[in-house]
Amino acid sequence: MHDDPSPRLNPFRTAPNLLTLLRICLAPFLVDAVLEGKFALSFGLFVAAGLTDALDGLLARVLQQRTRLGQYLDPVADKLLLSAIFLVLMHEGLIPTMVTVLVFGRDVGILLVAAILYAAVGRREFKPSIFGKANTLAQVSAVAAVLLHQLTSASWVVVFRTLALDATIILTVVSGLHYAWAVSRRGNSHLAPNGSVSK
């Protein structure tokens, strides 16, 4: 009767995954706050979302509650939140259109390549590179700087905003190219032993 321990760890009820789901739920409120011009609230919500991102990873390690659901849900939550906020900031004219287009173009490209690789060779693990992590950090910093700039025009905030946006542009391109290079190497190494051709 009690031999099957699996029901005890419901992935939807683990603390890390609950925090990830909370981050997803924050997205519409964050978008609404920006559209309403409530930048103090939007900045606070963005910081709260960032804290849940840091905490869910920490709790997953400390509580040993890593789940397959969490591995997929966490990056989805990050992309959903960042994509939504980049779009609304562009809509409000608070962030350059080029930055948003580059961010979306890279992410859509990665999703398409990942889907093709999964369909072709069954690869599901796509570990983020150091460039990808740096790019995410730059994007988070850019959003925080843009929102903060709506609250204060202090010189350090202006400099921070410029540097964060420039870093986002550079790292989006670099991480995208690095991902394409890494994928081509993995694809070749996977197909080479059989001497098969991908097309």
N, C-alpha and C. Protein backbone atom coordinates (compact mmCIF):
# COMPACT_ATOMS: atom_id res chain seq x y z
N MET A 1 0.82 -1.20 0.00
CA MET A 1 0.00 0.00 0.00
C MET A 1 0.86 1.26 0.00
N HIS A 2 2.00 1.23 0.75
CA HIS A 2 2.82 2.44 0.89
C HIS A 2 4.17 2.29 0.18
N ASP A 3 4.27 1.29 -0.75
CA ASP A 3 5.57 1.09 -1.41
C ASP A 3 5.93 2.17 -2.41
N ASP A 4 4.94 2.88 -3.00
CA ASP A 4 5.24 3.84 -4.06
C ASP A 4 5.41 5.24 -3.49
N PRO A 5 6.66 5.70 -3.39
CA PRO A 5 6.91 7.01 -2.79
C PRO A 5 6.67 8.16 -3.74
N SER A 6 6.44 7.88 -5.06
CA SER A 6 6.37 8.96 -6.04
C SER A 6 5.31 10.01 -5.77
N PRO A 7 4.08 9.65 -5.26
CA PRO A 7 3.08 10.68 -5.06
C PRO A 7 3.48 11.73 -4.04
N ARG A 8 4.48 11.39 -3.18
CA ARG A 8 4.84 12.34 -2.13
C ARG A 8 5.44 13.61 -2.70
N LEU A 9 6.12 13.53 -3.84
CA LEU A 9 6.74 14.73 -4.40
C LEU A 9 5.97 15.18 -5.63
N ASN A 10 4.92 15.95 -5.36
CA ASN A 10 4.14 16.51 -6.46
C ASN A 10 4.90 17.72 -7.00
N PRO A 11 5.35 17.66 -8.28
CA PRO A 11 6.17 18.76 -8.81
C PRO A 11 5.48 20.12 -8.77
N PHE A 12 4.13 20.12 -8.76
CA PHE A 12 3.40 21.39 -8.72
C PHE A 12 3.36 21.98 -7.31
N ARG A 13 3.77 21.17 -6.32
CA ARG A 13 3.69 21.66 -4.94
C ARG A 13 5.06 21.86 -4.30
N THR A 14 6.12 21.65 -5.04
CA THR A 14 7.44 21.90 -4.47
C THR A 14 7.66 23.42 -4.39
N ALA A 15 8.39 23.84 -3.36
CA ALA A 15 8.61 25.28 -3.15
C ALA A 15 9.26 25.97 -4.35
N PRO A 16 10.30 25.38 -4.97
CA PRO A 16 10.92 26.05 -6.13
C PRO A 16 9.93 26.25 -7.28
N ASN A 17 9.13 25.23 -7.57
CA ASN A 17 8.19 25.34 -8.70
C ASN A 17 7.05 26.31 -8.39
N LEU A 18 6.65 26.39 -7.12
CA LEU A 18 5.62 27.36 -6.74
C LEU A 18 6.13 28.79 -6.94
N LEU A 19 7.42 29.00 -6.62
CA LEU A 19 8.01 30.33 -6.83
C LEU A 19 8.10 30.65 -8.33
N THR A 20 8.41 29.63 -9.13
CA THR A 20 8.46 29.83 -10.58
C THR A 20 7.08 30.18 -11.13
N LEU A 21 6.06 29.47 -10.64
CA LEU A 21 4.68 29.77 -11.07
C LEU A 21 4.27 31.17 -10.63
N LEU A 22 4.73 31.59 -9.44
CA LEU A 22 4.45 32.94 -8.96
C LEU A 22 5.06 33.97 -9.89
N ARG A 23 6.29 33.68 -10.39
CA ARG A 23 6.95 34.59 -11.31
C ARG A 23 6.15 34.74 -12.60
N ILE A 24 5.60 33.64 -13.08
CA ILE A 24 4.76 33.69 -14.29
C ILE A 24 3.51 34.54 -14.03
N CYS A 25 2.93 34.38 -12.83
CA CYS A 25 1.71 35.14 -12.49
C CYS A 25 1.98 36.63 -12.34
N LEU A 26 3.24 36.99 -12.03
CA LEU A 26 3.58 38.41 -11.87
C LEU A 26 3.62 39.15 -13.20
N ALA A 27 3.85 38.40 -14.30
CA ALA A 27 4.03 39.04 -15.62
C ALA A 27 2.89 39.97 -16.01
N PRO A 28 1.61 39.54 -15.95
CA PRO A 28 0.54 40.46 -16.38
C PRO A 28 0.42 41.70 -15.50
N PHE A 29 0.69 41.55 -14.18
CA PHE A 29 0.63 42.71 -13.28
C PHE A 29 1.76 43.69 -13.58
N LEU A 30 2.93 43.14 -13.93
CA LEU A 30 4.07 43.99 -14.29
C LEU A 30 3.78 44.76 -15.57
N VAL A 31 3.23 44.08 -16.56
CA VAL A 31 2.88 44.73 -17.83
C VAL A 31 1.85 45.82 -17.60
N ASP A 32 0.83 45.52 -16.80
CA ASP A 32 -0.22 46.49 -16.52
C ASP A 32 0.34 47.72 -15.80
N ALA A 33 1.25 47.49 -14.85
CA ALA A 33 1.84 48.61 -14.10
C ALA A 33 2.60 49.55 -15.03
N VAL A 34 3.34 48.99 -16.01
CA VAL A 34 4.08 49.83 -16.97
C VAL A 34 3.10 50.60 -17.85
N LEU A 35 2.07 49.91 -18.35
CA LEU A 35 1.09 50.57 -19.21
C LEU A 35 0.35 51.68 -18.49
N GLU A 36 0.17 51.51 -17.17
CA GLU A 36 -0.52 52.53 -16.37
C GLU A 36 0.43 53.64 -15.91
N GLY A 37 1.72 53.48 -16.23
CA GLY A 37 2.69 54.50 -15.82
C GLY A 37 3.05 54.44 -14.35
N LYS A 38 2.77 53.31 -13.70
CA LYS A 38 3.10 53.14 -12.27
C LYS A 38 4.50 52.52 -12.17
N PHE A 39 5.51 53.33 -12.38
CA PHE A 39 6.87 52.80 -12.50
C PHE A 39 7.47 52.37 -11.16
N ALA A 40 7.05 52.97 -10.07
CA ALA A 40 7.53 52.51 -8.76
C ALA A 40 7.03 51.09 -8.51
N LEU A 41 5.75 50.86 -8.84
CA LEU A 41 5.16 49.53 -8.67
C LEU A 41 5.80 48.53 -9.63
N SER A 42 5.99 48.94 -10.89
CA SER A 42 6.57 48.02 -11.87
C SER A 42 8.00 47.65 -11.50
N PHE A 43 8.75 48.63 -10.98
CA PHE A 43 10.13 48.33 -10.56
C PHE A 43 10.11 47.36 -9.38
N GLY A 44 9.20 47.58 -8.43
CA GLY A 44 9.08 46.69 -7.28
C GLY A 44 8.70 45.27 -7.69
N LEU A 45 7.76 45.15 -8.64
CA LEU A 45 7.34 43.83 -9.12
C LEU A 45 8.48 43.13 -9.85
N PHE A 46 9.26 43.91 -10.61
CA PHE A 46 10.38 43.31 -11.34
C PHE A 46 11.44 42.80 -10.38
N VAL A 47 11.70 43.56 -9.33
CA VAL A 47 12.66 43.12 -8.30
C VAL A 47 12.14 41.87 -7.60
N ALA A 48 10.83 41.85 -7.31
CA ALA A 48 10.23 40.67 -6.67
C ALA A 48 10.36 39.44 -7.56
N ALA A 49 10.15 39.63 -8.86
CA ALA A 49 10.29 38.52 -9.81
C ALA A 49 11.73 38.01 -9.83
N GLY A 50 12.68 38.95 -9.77
CA GLY A 50 14.09 38.57 -9.74
C GLY A 50 14.43 37.78 -8.48
N LEU A 51 13.84 38.16 -7.36
CA LEU A 51 14.08 37.44 -6.10
C LEU A 51 13.52 36.03 -6.17
N THR A 52 12.35 35.85 -6.77
CA THR A 52 11.79 34.50 -6.89
C THR A 52 12.68 33.64 -7.78
N ASP A 53 13.30 34.26 -8.79
CA ASP A 53 14.19 33.52 -9.69
C ASP A 53 15.42 33.03 -8.92
N ALA A 54 15.97 33.91 -8.07
CA ALA A 54 17.15 33.52 -7.29
C ALA A 54 16.78 32.47 -6.24
N LEU A 55 15.63 32.66 -5.61
CA LEU A 55 15.22 31.75 -4.53
C LEU A 55 14.85 30.36 -5.02
N ASP A 56 14.21 30.26 -6.20
CA ASP A 56 13.77 28.93 -6.63
C ASP A 56 14.96 28.01 -6.90
N GLY A 57 16.04 28.59 -7.48
CA GLY A 57 17.24 27.78 -7.70
C GLY A 57 17.90 27.38 -6.40
N LEU A 58 17.95 28.32 -5.45
CA LEU A 58 18.57 28.05 -4.16
C LEU A 58 17.79 26.97 -3.40
N LEU A 59 16.46 27.11 -3.37
CA LEU A 59 15.63 26.13 -2.66
C LEU A 59 15.69 24.75 -3.31
N ALA A 60 15.77 24.73 -4.64
CA ALA A 60 15.85 23.44 -5.34
C ALA A 60 17.09 22.67 -4.90
N ARG A 61 18.19 23.41 -4.68
CA ARG A 61 19.43 22.75 -4.23
C ARG A 61 19.36 22.39 -2.75
N VAL A 62 18.95 23.35 -1.92
CA VAL A 62 18.93 23.13 -0.47
C VAL A 62 17.93 22.05 -0.07
N LEU A 63 16.72 22.11 -0.63
CA LEU A 63 15.67 21.15 -0.28
C LEU A 63 15.71 19.88 -1.12
N GLN A 64 16.66 19.84 -2.07
CA GLN A 64 16.78 18.71 -3.00
C GLN A 64 15.44 18.41 -3.67
N GLN A 65 14.85 19.49 -4.21
CA GLN A 65 13.56 19.36 -4.87
C GLN A 65 13.67 19.71 -6.36
N ARG A 66 14.73 19.25 -6.98
CA ARG A 66 14.88 19.44 -8.42
C ARG A 66 13.91 18.50 -9.13
N THR A 67 13.13 19.02 -10.04
CA THR A 67 12.19 18.18 -10.79
C THR A 67 12.34 18.46 -12.28
N ARG A 68 11.91 17.51 -13.11
CA ARG A 68 11.97 17.72 -14.56
C ARG A 68 11.08 18.90 -14.96
N LEU A 69 9.92 19.01 -14.27
CA LEU A 69 9.03 20.13 -14.55
C LEU A 69 9.74 21.45 -14.31
N GLY A 70 10.46 21.53 -13.20
CA GLY A 70 11.18 22.75 -12.86
C GLY A 70 12.25 23.10 -13.87
N GLN A 71 12.93 22.08 -14.43
CA GLN A 71 13.98 22.32 -15.41
C GLN A 71 13.42 22.98 -16.66
N TYR A 72 12.19 22.64 -17.02
CA TYR A 72 11.58 23.24 -18.21
C TYR A 72 10.85 24.54 -17.86
N LEU A 73 10.22 24.56 -16.68
CA LEU A 73 9.37 25.69 -16.29
C LEU A 73 10.18 26.95 -16.00
N ASP A 74 11.34 26.79 -15.36
CA ASP A 74 12.13 27.95 -14.94
C ASP A 74 12.56 28.82 -16.12
N PRO A 75 13.21 28.25 -17.17
CA PRO A 75 13.58 29.11 -18.31
C PRO A 75 12.37 29.67 -19.05
N VAL A 76 11.25 28.92 -19.07
CA VAL A 76 10.04 29.42 -19.71
C VAL A 76 9.53 30.65 -18.97
N ALA A 77 9.54 30.59 -17.63
CA ALA A 77 9.10 31.72 -16.81
C ALA A 77 9.98 32.94 -17.06
N ASP A 78 11.29 32.72 -17.14
CA ASP A 78 12.22 33.83 -17.38
C ASP A 78 11.95 34.48 -18.74
N LYS A 79 11.82 33.63 -19.78
CA LYS A 79 11.59 34.16 -21.13
C LYS A 79 10.25 34.88 -21.22
N LEU A 80 9.22 34.32 -20.59
CA LEU A 80 7.89 34.93 -20.63
C LEU A 80 7.92 36.31 -20.00
N LEU A 81 8.54 36.40 -18.83
CA LEU A 81 8.59 37.67 -18.11
C LEU A 81 9.40 38.71 -18.89
N LEU A 82 10.60 38.31 -19.34
CA LEU A 82 11.46 39.26 -20.05
C LEU A 82 10.85 39.67 -21.39
N SER A 83 10.28 38.70 -22.10
CA SER A 83 9.67 39.01 -23.41
C SER A 83 8.53 40.00 -23.24
N ALA A 84 7.69 39.75 -22.23
CA ALA A 84 6.53 40.62 -22.00
C ALA A 84 6.98 42.04 -21.65
N ILE A 85 7.98 42.15 -20.79
CA ILE A 85 8.41 43.48 -20.35
C ILE A 85 9.15 44.22 -21.46
N PHE A 86 9.94 43.49 -22.28
CA PHE A 86 10.62 44.14 -23.41
C PHE A 86 9.60 44.67 -24.41
N LEU A 87 8.56 43.89 -24.67
CA LEU A 87 7.52 44.31 -25.61
C LEU A 87 6.79 45.56 -25.13
N VAL A 88 6.41 45.56 -23.86
CA VAL A 88 5.63 46.69 -23.35
C VAL A 88 6.51 47.94 -23.23
N LEU A 89 7.78 47.77 -22.90
CA LEU A 89 8.69 48.92 -22.83
C LEU A 89 8.92 49.51 -24.22
N MET A 90 9.01 48.63 -25.23
CA MET A 90 9.13 49.11 -26.61
C MET A 90 7.85 49.84 -27.03
N HIS A 91 6.71 49.26 -26.66
CA HIS A 91 5.41 49.87 -27.00
C HIS A 91 5.29 51.27 -26.41
N GLU A 92 5.83 51.45 -25.20
CA GLU A 92 5.76 52.74 -24.53
C GLU A 92 6.90 53.68 -24.95
N GLY A 93 7.76 53.23 -25.85
CA GLY A 93 8.85 54.07 -26.32
C GLY A 93 9.96 54.25 -25.30
N LEU A 94 10.07 53.32 -24.36
CA LEU A 94 11.06 53.45 -23.29
C LEU A 94 12.33 52.66 -23.56
N ILE A 95 12.28 51.83 -24.60
CA ILE A 95 13.46 51.01 -24.93
C ILE A 95 13.57 50.99 -26.46
N PRO A 96 14.79 51.05 -27.01
CA PRO A 96 14.94 51.07 -28.47
C PRO A 96 14.33 49.83 -29.12
N THR A 97 13.67 50.03 -30.24
CA THR A 97 13.05 48.92 -30.97
C THR A 97 14.08 47.86 -31.36
N MET A 98 15.28 48.31 -31.74
CA MET A 98 16.31 47.37 -32.17
C MET A 98 16.65 46.36 -31.08
N VAL A 99 16.68 46.83 -29.83
CA VAL A 99 17.01 45.93 -28.72
C VAL A 99 15.97 44.82 -28.61
N THR A 100 14.70 45.21 -28.65
CA THR A 100 13.62 44.22 -28.53
C THR A 100 13.62 43.25 -29.71
N VAL A 101 13.86 43.78 -30.91
CA VAL A 101 13.88 42.92 -32.11
C VAL A 101 15.02 41.91 -32.01
N LEU A 102 16.20 42.35 -31.56
CA LEU A 102 17.34 41.44 -31.41
C LEU A 102 17.04 40.36 -30.37
N VAL A 103 16.49 40.77 -29.23
CA VAL A 103 16.18 39.82 -28.16
C VAL A 103 15.19 38.77 -28.64
N PHE A 104 14.12 39.23 -29.31
CA PHE A 104 13.11 38.29 -29.81
C PHE A 104 13.65 37.42 -30.94
N GLY A 105 14.43 38.02 -31.83
CA GLY A 105 14.99 37.27 -32.95
C GLY A 105 15.87 36.14 -32.47
N ARG A 106 16.72 36.43 -31.48
CA ARG A 106 17.59 35.39 -30.92
C ARG A 106 16.78 34.27 -30.29
N ASP A 107 15.81 34.64 -29.47
CA ASP A 107 15.03 33.62 -28.75
C ASP A 107 14.20 32.75 -29.70
N VAL A 108 13.60 33.39 -30.69
CA VAL A 108 12.81 32.63 -31.68
C VAL A 108 13.73 31.69 -32.46
N GLY A 109 14.91 32.19 -32.84
CA GLY A 109 15.87 31.36 -33.56
C GLY A 109 16.29 30.14 -32.75
N ILE A 110 16.57 30.36 -31.46
CA ILE A 110 16.98 29.26 -30.59
C ILE A 110 15.85 28.24 -30.44
N LEU A 111 14.63 28.72 -30.27
CA LEU A 111 13.49 27.81 -30.14
C LEU A 111 13.30 26.97 -31.40
N LEU A 112 13.44 27.60 -32.56
CA LEU A 112 13.28 26.87 -33.82
C LEU A 112 14.36 25.80 -33.98
N VAL A 113 15.61 26.18 -33.70
CA VAL A 113 16.72 25.23 -33.83
C VAL A 113 16.54 24.08 -32.83
N ALA A 114 16.14 24.41 -31.60
CA ALA A 114 15.92 23.38 -30.59
C ALA A 114 14.83 22.41 -31.03
N ALA A 115 13.75 22.95 -31.59
CA ALA A 115 12.65 22.10 -32.05
C ALA A 115 13.10 21.19 -33.21
N ILE A 116 13.90 21.76 -34.12
CA ILE A 116 14.38 20.97 -35.26
C ILE A 116 15.32 19.86 -34.79
N LEU A 117 16.23 20.20 -33.87
CA LEU A 117 17.16 19.20 -33.36
C LEU A 117 16.42 18.09 -32.61
N TYR A 118 15.40 18.49 -31.84
CA TYR A 118 14.64 17.48 -31.11
C TYR A 118 13.92 16.54 -32.07
N ALA A 119 13.35 17.12 -33.14
CA ALA A 119 12.63 16.31 -34.12
C ALA A 119 13.59 15.41 -34.91
N ALA A 120 14.80 15.94 -35.19
CA ALA A 120 15.74 15.20 -36.03
C ALA A 120 16.54 14.15 -35.27
N VAL A 121 17.10 14.55 -34.12
CA VAL A 121 17.99 13.61 -33.41
C VAL A 121 17.59 13.36 -31.97
N GLY A 122 16.46 13.90 -31.56
CA GLY A 122 15.96 13.61 -30.21
C GLY A 122 16.71 14.29 -29.09
N ARG A 123 17.43 15.38 -29.41
CA ARG A 123 18.15 16.10 -28.35
C ARG A 123 17.20 17.00 -27.59
N ARG A 124 17.24 16.88 -26.25
CA ARG A 124 16.37 17.74 -25.45
C ARG A 124 17.17 18.63 -24.51
N GLU A 125 18.42 18.27 -24.22
CA GLU A 125 19.19 19.04 -23.26
C GLU A 125 19.97 20.14 -23.98
N PHE A 126 19.68 21.37 -23.63
CA PHE A 126 20.36 22.51 -24.24
C PHE A 126 20.85 23.40 -23.10
N LYS A 127 21.99 23.03 -22.55
CA LYS A 127 22.50 23.75 -21.39
C LYS A 127 22.95 25.15 -21.79
N PRO A 128 22.58 26.16 -20.99
CA PRO A 128 22.97 27.54 -21.32
C PRO A 128 24.47 27.73 -21.21
N SER A 129 25.04 28.48 -22.14
CA SER A 129 26.48 28.76 -22.11
C SER A 129 26.73 29.96 -21.21
N ILE A 130 28.01 30.25 -20.99
CA ILE A 130 28.37 31.41 -20.20
C ILE A 130 27.89 32.68 -20.89
N PHE A 131 27.89 32.68 -22.23
CA PHE A 131 27.41 33.85 -22.97
C PHE A 131 25.90 34.02 -22.81
N GLY A 132 25.18 32.90 -22.79
CA GLY A 132 23.73 32.95 -22.60
C GLY A 132 23.37 33.49 -21.22
N LYS A 133 24.12 33.05 -20.21
CA LYS A 133 23.86 33.52 -18.84
C LYS A 133 24.19 35.01 -18.73
N ALA A 134 25.30 35.41 -19.35
CA ALA A 134 25.68 36.83 -19.33
C ALA A 134 24.63 37.67 -20.06
N ASN A 135 24.08 37.12 -21.14
CA ASN A 135 23.06 37.83 -21.90
C ASN A 135 21.79 38.03 -21.06
N THR A 136 21.39 36.98 -20.34
CA THR A 136 20.21 37.10 -19.47
C THR A 136 20.44 38.16 -18.39
N LEU A 137 21.64 38.15 -17.81
CA LEU A 137 21.98 39.15 -16.79
C LEU A 137 21.91 40.55 -17.38
N ALA A 138 22.41 40.72 -18.60
CA ALA A 138 22.39 42.03 -19.27
C ALA A 138 20.95 42.46 -19.53
N GLN A 139 20.10 41.53 -19.96
CA GLN A 139 18.69 41.86 -20.22
C GLN A 139 17.98 42.29 -18.94
N VAL A 140 18.21 41.55 -17.87
CA VAL A 140 17.60 41.89 -16.57
C VAL A 140 18.08 43.27 -16.12
N SER A 141 19.39 43.51 -16.26
CA SER A 141 19.95 44.80 -15.87
C SER A 141 19.37 45.93 -16.71
N ALA A 142 19.18 45.68 -18.01
CA ALA A 142 18.63 46.70 -18.92
C ALA A 142 17.20 47.07 -18.51
N VAL A 143 16.38 46.06 -18.24
CA VAL A 143 15.00 46.33 -17.84
C VAL A 143 14.97 47.10 -16.52
N ALA A 144 15.78 46.65 -15.55
CA ALA A 144 15.83 47.33 -14.25
C ALA A 144 16.28 48.78 -14.42
N ALA A 145 17.28 49.01 -15.28
CA ALA A 145 17.80 50.36 -15.48
C ALA A 145 16.77 51.26 -16.16
N VAL A 146 16.05 50.70 -17.15
CA VAL A 146 15.03 51.49 -17.85
C VAL A 146 13.90 51.88 -16.90
N LEU A 147 13.47 50.93 -16.08
CA LEU A 147 12.40 51.23 -15.11
C LEU A 147 12.87 52.22 -14.06
N LEU A 148 14.11 52.03 -13.61
CA LEU A 148 14.66 52.94 -12.59
C LEU A 148 14.82 54.35 -13.14
N HIS A 149 15.13 54.44 -14.44
CA HIS A 149 15.30 55.74 -15.08
C HIS A 149 14.00 56.54 -15.10
N GLN A 150 12.87 55.84 -15.03
CA GLN A 150 11.58 56.52 -14.98
C GLN A 150 11.31 57.11 -13.59
N LEU A 151 12.09 56.67 -12.61
CA LEU A 151 11.90 57.14 -11.23
C LEU A 151 12.91 58.23 -10.86
N THR A 152 14.08 58.17 -11.49
CA THR A 152 15.11 59.16 -11.19
C THR A 152 15.99 59.38 -12.41
N SER A 153 16.46 60.61 -12.57
CA SER A 153 17.36 60.93 -13.68
C SER A 153 18.79 61.12 -13.19
N ALA A 154 19.11 60.50 -12.07
CA ALA A 154 20.46 60.59 -11.52
C ALA A 154 21.47 60.15 -12.58
N SER A 155 22.63 60.79 -12.60
CA SER A 155 23.62 60.53 -13.65
C SER A 155 24.05 59.06 -13.69
N TRP A 156 24.19 58.43 -12.51
CA TRP A 156 24.64 57.04 -12.50
C TRP A 156 23.58 56.11 -13.11
N VAL A 157 22.31 56.49 -12.97
CA VAL A 157 21.23 55.68 -13.56
C VAL A 157 21.26 55.80 -15.08
N VAL A 158 21.52 57.02 -15.57
CA VAL A 158 21.61 57.24 -17.02
C VAL A 158 22.76 56.42 -17.61
N VAL A 159 23.90 56.44 -16.93
CA VAL A 159 25.07 55.67 -17.39
C VAL A 159 24.77 54.17 -17.33
N PHE A 160 24.17 53.74 -16.22
CA PHE A 160 23.81 52.34 -16.03
C PHE A 160 22.87 51.87 -17.14
N ARG A 161 21.89 52.70 -17.48
CA ARG A 161 20.92 52.35 -18.53
C ARG A 161 21.63 52.19 -19.89
N THR A 162 22.51 53.14 -20.22
CA THR A 162 23.22 53.09 -21.50
C THR A 162 24.10 51.85 -21.59
N LEU A 163 24.87 51.58 -20.52
CA LEU A 163 25.76 50.43 -20.51
C LEU A 163 24.99 49.12 -20.59
N ALA A 164 23.87 49.03 -19.85
CA ALA A 164 23.07 47.80 -19.83
C ALA A 164 22.45 47.52 -21.20
N LEU A 165 21.96 48.56 -21.87
CA LEU A 165 21.37 48.38 -23.20
C LEU A 165 22.44 47.99 -24.23
N ASP A 166 23.61 48.64 -24.15
CA ASP A 166 24.71 48.29 -25.06
C ASP A 166 25.15 46.85 -24.84
N ALA A 167 25.27 46.46 -23.56
CA ALA A 167 25.68 45.09 -23.23
C ALA A 167 24.65 44.09 -23.74
N THR A 168 23.37 44.44 -23.65
CA THR A 168 22.31 43.55 -24.13
C THR A 168 22.43 43.33 -25.63
N ILE A 169 22.67 44.41 -26.38
CA ILE A 169 22.81 44.29 -27.84
C ILE A 169 24.00 43.39 -28.19
N ILE A 170 25.15 43.67 -27.58
CA ILE A 170 26.37 42.92 -27.89
C ILE A 170 26.22 41.44 -27.50
N LEU A 171 25.76 41.19 -26.27
CA LEU A 171 25.67 39.81 -25.78
C LEU A 171 24.56 39.01 -26.46
N THR A 172 23.52 39.70 -26.91
CA THR A 172 22.46 39.00 -27.65
C THR A 172 23.03 38.44 -28.96
N VAL A 173 23.81 39.26 -29.65
CA VAL A 173 24.42 38.82 -30.91
C VAL A 173 25.47 37.74 -30.65
N VAL A 174 26.36 37.98 -29.68
CA VAL A 174 27.45 37.03 -29.38
C VAL A 174 26.89 35.68 -28.91
N SER A 175 25.93 35.71 -27.98
CA SER A 175 25.38 34.45 -27.46
C SER A 175 24.61 33.70 -28.54
N GLY A 176 23.94 34.45 -29.43
CA GLY A 176 23.22 33.81 -30.52
C GLY A 176 24.17 33.10 -31.48
N LEU A 177 25.27 33.77 -31.84
CA LEU A 177 26.27 33.17 -32.73
C LEU A 177 26.95 31.98 -32.07
N HIS A 178 27.24 32.11 -30.76
CA HIS A 178 27.88 31.01 -30.03
C HIS A 178 26.96 29.80 -29.97
N TYR A 179 25.67 30.06 -29.76
CA TYR A 179 24.70 28.97 -29.70
C TYR A 179 24.63 28.25 -31.06
N ALA A 180 24.62 29.02 -32.14
CA ALA A 180 24.57 28.43 -33.48
C ALA A 180 25.81 27.57 -33.74
N TRP A 181 26.98 28.07 -33.30
CA TRP A 181 28.23 27.31 -33.47
C TRP A 181 28.20 26.03 -32.65
N ALA A 182 27.74 26.13 -31.39
CA ALA A 182 27.70 24.95 -30.51
C ALA A 182 26.74 23.90 -31.04
N VAL A 183 25.59 24.36 -31.54
CA VAL A 183 24.59 23.43 -32.08
C VAL A 183 25.12 22.72 -33.32
N SER A 184 25.83 23.45 -34.20
CA SER A 184 26.36 22.83 -35.41
C SER A 184 27.40 21.76 -35.05
N ARG A 185 28.21 22.03 -34.03
CA ARG A 185 29.21 21.04 -33.58
C ARG A 185 28.53 19.80 -33.02
N ARG A 186 27.51 20.01 -32.16
CA ARG A 186 26.81 18.87 -31.57
C ARG A 186 26.10 18.05 -32.64
N GLY A 187 25.48 18.76 -33.58
CA GLY A 187 24.76 18.05 -34.64
C GLY A 187 25.71 17.21 -35.48
N ASN A 188 26.88 17.77 -35.82
CA ASN A 188 27.85 17.04 -36.62
C ASN A 188 28.40 15.83 -35.89
N SER A 189 28.69 16.02 -34.58
CA SER A 189 29.25 14.91 -33.81
C SER A 189 28.22 13.79 -33.64
N HIS A 190 26.94 14.17 -33.60
CA HIS A 190 25.88 13.17 -33.43
C HIS A 190 25.67 12.38 -34.70
N LEU A 191 25.84 13.02 -35.86
CA LEU A 191 25.54 12.35 -37.12
C LEU A 191 26.79 11.70 -37.75
N ALA A 192 27.98 12.18 -37.38
CA ALA A 192 29.20 11.72 -38.00
C ALA A 192 29.45 10.22 -37.92
N PRO A 193 29.26 9.57 -36.73
CA PRO A 193 29.57 8.15 -36.62
C PRO A 193 28.85 7.30 -37.64
N ASN A 194 27.66 7.63 -38.03
CA ASN A 194 26.91 6.83 -38.98
C ASN A 194 27.22 7.21 -40.43
N GLY A 195 27.94 8.33 -40.55
CA GLY A 195 28.24 8.81 -41.89
C GLY A 195 27.01 9.33 -42.61
N SER A 196 25.96 9.61 -41.83
CA SER A 196 24.73 10.08 -42.46
C SER A 196 24.79 11.57 -42.70
N VAL A 197 23.93 12.03 -43.58
CA VAL A 197 23.90 13.45 -43.91
C VAL A 197 22.62 14.05 -43.36
N SER A 198 22.70 15.29 -42.81
CA SER A 198 21.52 15.88 -42.16
C SER A 198 20.47 16.31 -43.14
N LYS A 199 20.83 16.59 -44.37
CA LYS A 199 19.81 17.06 -45.34
C LYS A 199 19.74 16.11 -46.52
